[in-house]
Amino acid sequence: MIGMADRDKLPGRRSHHHHSGSDDHIEYMSRKLNLTPAQKDSVQAILERYKPAMDSIWRQLGPRFETIKDTISNEIRRQLTPEQQKAYTEMIRRFEEERRGPPE
């Protein structure tokens, strides 16, 4: 099951393992939208301004999200053969590593 990736794709959000998440998001937007330096600065300011509110919301919803994610993953796992379950576990592990990025 895809983990916290959807949350981490939200503007201003990134795994708690990265403090450079908004920079990553701005660089992604810059590539996709061809932002000017002034636009990049404005987007950065917007993300920084709303980060405390987003973090507050996520602290409230995060545990519920994790519970539902785990329930879905367990239900999917029960549909798989033992060999598929091993592959699924490895797929999730790789996805989570990729999502978190290199250790800091």
C-alpha atoms as a PDB file:
ATOM      1  CA  MET A   1       0.000   0.000   0.000  1.00  0.00           C
ATOM      2  CA  ILE A   2       1.294   3.432  -0.797  1.00  0.00           C
ATOM      3  CA  GLY A   3       2.062   5.102   2.476  1.00  0.00           C
ATOM      4  CA  MET A   4       2.300   8.728   3.386  1.00  0.00           C
ATOM      5  CA  ALA A   5       3.251   9.764  -0.113  1.00  0.00           C
ATOM      6  CA  ASP A   6      -0.034  11.478  -0.814  1.00  0.00           C
ATOM      7  CA  ARG A   7       0.371  13.612   2.280  1.00  0.00           C
ATOM      8  CA  ASP A   8       3.960  14.385   1.323  1.00  0.00           C
ATOM      9  CA  LYS A   9       2.898  15.625  -2.097  1.00  0.00           C
ATOM     10  CA  LEU A  10       0.793  18.344  -0.546  1.00  0.00           C
ATOM     11  CA  PRO A  11       2.252  21.836  -0.807  1.00  0.00           C
ATOM     12  CA  GLY A  12       4.480  22.512   2.141  1.00  0.00           C
ATOM     13  CA  ARG A  13       4.473  18.888   3.287  1.00  0.00           C
ATOM     14  CA  ARG A  14       7.274  16.409   3.342  1.00  0.00           C
ATOM     15  CA  SER A  15       8.148  13.444   5.440  1.00  0.00           C
ATOM     16  CA  HIS A  16       9.233  14.493   8.905  1.00  0.00           C
ATOM     17  CA  HIS A  17      12.639  13.083   7.947  1.00  0.00           C
ATOM     18  CA  HIS A  18      13.248  16.021   5.610  1.00  0.00           C
ATOM     19  CA  HIS A  19      13.457  19.629   6.605  1.00  0.00           C
ATOM     20  CA  SER A  20      14.086  20.661   2.995  1.00  0.00           C
ATOM     21  CA  GLY A  21      10.676  19.479   1.777  1.00  0.00           C
ATOM     22  CA  SER A  22       9.389  22.891   0.763  1.00  0.00           C
ATOM     23  CA  ASP A  23      12.590  23.446  -1.216  1.00  0.00           C
ATOM     24  CA  ASP A  24      11.985  20.146  -3.013  1.00  0.00           C
ATOM     25  CA  HIS A  25       8.404  21.142  -3.725  1.00  0.00           C
ATOM     26  CA  ILE A  26       9.438  24.541  -5.058  1.00  0.00           C
ATOM     27  CA  GLU A  27      12.072  22.989  -7.317  1.00  0.00           C
ATOM     28  CA  TYR A  28       9.475  20.544  -8.648  1.00  0.00           C
ATOM     29  CA  MET A  29       7.002  23.382  -9.297  1.00  0.00           C
ATOM     30  CA  SER A  30       9.738  25.476 -10.856  1.00  0.00           C
ATOM     31  CA  ARG A  31      10.588  22.725 -13.340  1.00  0.00           C
ATOM     32  CA  LYS A  32       6.952  21.998 -14.185  1.00  0.00           C
ATOM     33  CA  LEU A  33       5.759  25.621 -14.314  1.00  0.00           C
ATOM     34  CA  ASN A  34       8.953  27.415 -15.314  1.00  0.00           C
ATOM     35  CA  LEU A  35       8.756  29.765 -12.329  1.00  0.00           C
ATOM     36  CA  THR A  36      10.766  32.958 -12.317  1.00  0.00           C
ATOM     37  CA  PRO A  37      13.053  33.621  -9.327  1.00  0.00           C
ATOM     38  CA  ALA A  38      10.506  36.121  -7.969  1.00  0.00           C
ATOM     39  CA  GLN A  39       7.725  33.537  -8.270  1.00  0.00           C
ATOM     40  CA  LYS A  40       9.864  30.936  -6.504  1.00  0.00           C
ATOM     41  CA  ASP A  41      10.444  33.388  -3.650  1.00  0.00           C
ATOM     42  CA  SER A  42       6.710  34.094  -3.409  1.00  0.00           C
ATOM     43  CA  VAL A  43       5.808  30.404  -3.397  1.00  0.00           C
ATOM     44  CA  GLN A  44       8.447  29.764  -0.706  1.00  0.00           C
ATOM     45  CA  ALA A  45       6.948  32.518   1.458  1.00  0.00           C
ATOM     46  CA  ILE A  46       3.441  31.085   1.026  1.00  0.00           C
ATOM     47  CA  LEU A  47       4.568  27.579   1.976  1.00  0.00           C
ATOM     48  CA  GLU A  48       6.440  28.864   5.026  1.00  0.00           C
ATOM     49  CA  ARG A  49       3.455  30.949   6.127  1.00  0.00           C
ATOM     50  CA  TYR A  50       1.077  27.966   6.055  1.00  0.00           C
ATOM     51  CA  LYS A  51       3.465  25.287   7.303  1.00  0.00           C
ATOM     52  CA  PRO A  52       2.491  25.648  10.999  1.00  0.00           C
ATOM     53  CA  ALA A  53      -1.211  25.234  10.145  1.00  0.00           C
ATOM     54  CA  MET A  54      -0.509  22.240   7.897  1.00  0.00           C
ATOM     55  CA  ASP A  55       1.663  20.641  10.576  1.00  0.00           C
ATOM     56  CA  SER A  56      -1.045  21.173  13.179  1.00  0.00           C
ATOM     57  CA  ILE A  57      -3.667  19.532  11.006  1.00  0.00           C
ATOM     58  CA  TRP A  58      -1.368  16.640  10.186  1.00  0.00           C
ATOM     59  CA  ARG A  59      -0.588  16.020  13.884  1.00  0.00           C
ATOM     60  CA  GLN A  60      -4.333  15.547  14.381  1.00  0.00           C
ATOM     61  CA  LEU A  61      -5.013  13.468  11.285  1.00  0.00           C
ATOM     62  CA  GLY A  62      -1.744  11.588  10.858  1.00  0.00           C
ATOM     63  CA  PRO A  63      -2.415   8.823  13.380  1.00  0.00           C
ATOM     64  CA  ARG A  64      -5.862   8.166  11.895  1.00  0.00           C
ATOM     65  CA  PHE A  65      -4.359   8.082   8.398  1.00  0.00           C
ATOM     66  CA  GLU A  66      -1.706   5.587   9.523  1.00  0.00           C
ATOM     67  CA  THR A  67      -4.342   3.323  11.088  1.00  0.00           C
ATOM     68  CA  ILE A  68      -6.429   3.284   7.909  1.00  0.00           C
ATOM     69  CA  LYS A  69      -3.328   2.788   5.741  1.00  0.00           C
ATOM     70  CA  ASP A  70      -2.278  -0.201   7.861  1.00  0.00           C
ATOM     71  CA  THR A  71      -5.778  -1.694   7.741  1.00  0.00           C
ATOM     72  CA  ILE A  72      -5.893  -1.405   3.941  1.00  0.00           C
ATOM     73  CA  SER A  73      -2.405  -2.869   3.602  1.00  0.00           C
ATOM     74  CA  ASN A  74      -3.308  -5.830   5.834  1.00  0.00           C
ATOM     75  CA  GLU A  75      -6.491  -6.507   3.873  1.00  0.00           C
ATOM     76  CA  ILE A  76      -4.567  -6.406   0.594  1.00  0.00           C
ATOM     77  CA  ARG A  77      -1.901  -8.708   2.035  1.00  0.00           C
ATOM     78  CA  ARG A  78      -4.582 -11.307   2.891  1.00  0.00           C
ATOM     79  CA  GLN A  79      -5.526 -11.462  -0.806  1.00  0.00           C
ATOM     80  CA  LEU A  80      -1.991 -12.383  -1.843  1.00  0.00           C
ATOM     81  CA  THR A  81      -0.100 -15.649  -1.986  1.00  0.00           C
ATOM     82  CA  PRO A  82       2.864 -16.026   0.394  1.00  0.00           C
ATOM     83  CA  GLU A  83       5.238 -15.251  -2.482  1.00  0.00           C
ATOM     84  CA  GLN A  84       3.223 -12.162  -3.436  1.00  0.00           C
ATOM     85  CA  GLN A  85       3.149 -11.076   0.211  1.00  0.00           C
ATOM     86  CA  LYS A  86       6.959 -11.100   0.320  1.00  0.00           C
ATOM     87  CA  ALA A  87       7.105  -9.075  -2.902  1.00  0.00           C
ATOM     88  CA  TYR A  88       4.453  -6.683  -1.558  1.00  0.00           C
ATOM     89  CA  THR A  89       6.397  -6.172   1.668  1.00  0.00           C
ATOM     90  CA  GLU A  90       9.554  -5.430  -0.335  1.00  0.00           C
ATOM     91  CA  MET A  91       7.635  -3.082  -2.643  1.00  0.00           C
ATOM     92  CA  ILE A  92       6.330  -1.126   0.350  1.00  0.00           C
ATOM     93  CA  ARG A  93       9.792  -1.029   1.943  1.00  0.00           C
ATOM     94  CA  ARG A  94      11.365   0.362  -1.243  1.00  0.00           C
ATOM     95  CA  PHE A  95       8.575   2.876  -1.681  1.00  0.00           C
ATOM     96  CA  GLU A  96       8.964   4.126   1.907  1.00  0.00           C
ATOM     97  CA  GLU A  97      12.744   4.420   1.481  1.00  0.00           C
ATOM     98  CA  GLU A  98      12.261   6.356  -1.728  1.00  0.00           C
ATOM     99  CA  ARG A  99       9.684   8.614  -0.130  1.00  0.00           C
ATOM    100  CA  ARG A 100      11.950   9.415   2.790  1.00  0.00           C
ATOM    101  CA  GLY A 101      14.999   9.955   0.621  1.00  0.00           C
ATOM    102  CA  PRO A 102      18.586   9.539   1.750  1.00  0.00           C
ATOM    103  CA  PRO A 103      19.300   9.622   5.483  1.00  0.00           C
ATOM    104  CA  GLU A 104      20.303  13.011   6.825  1.00  0.00           C
END
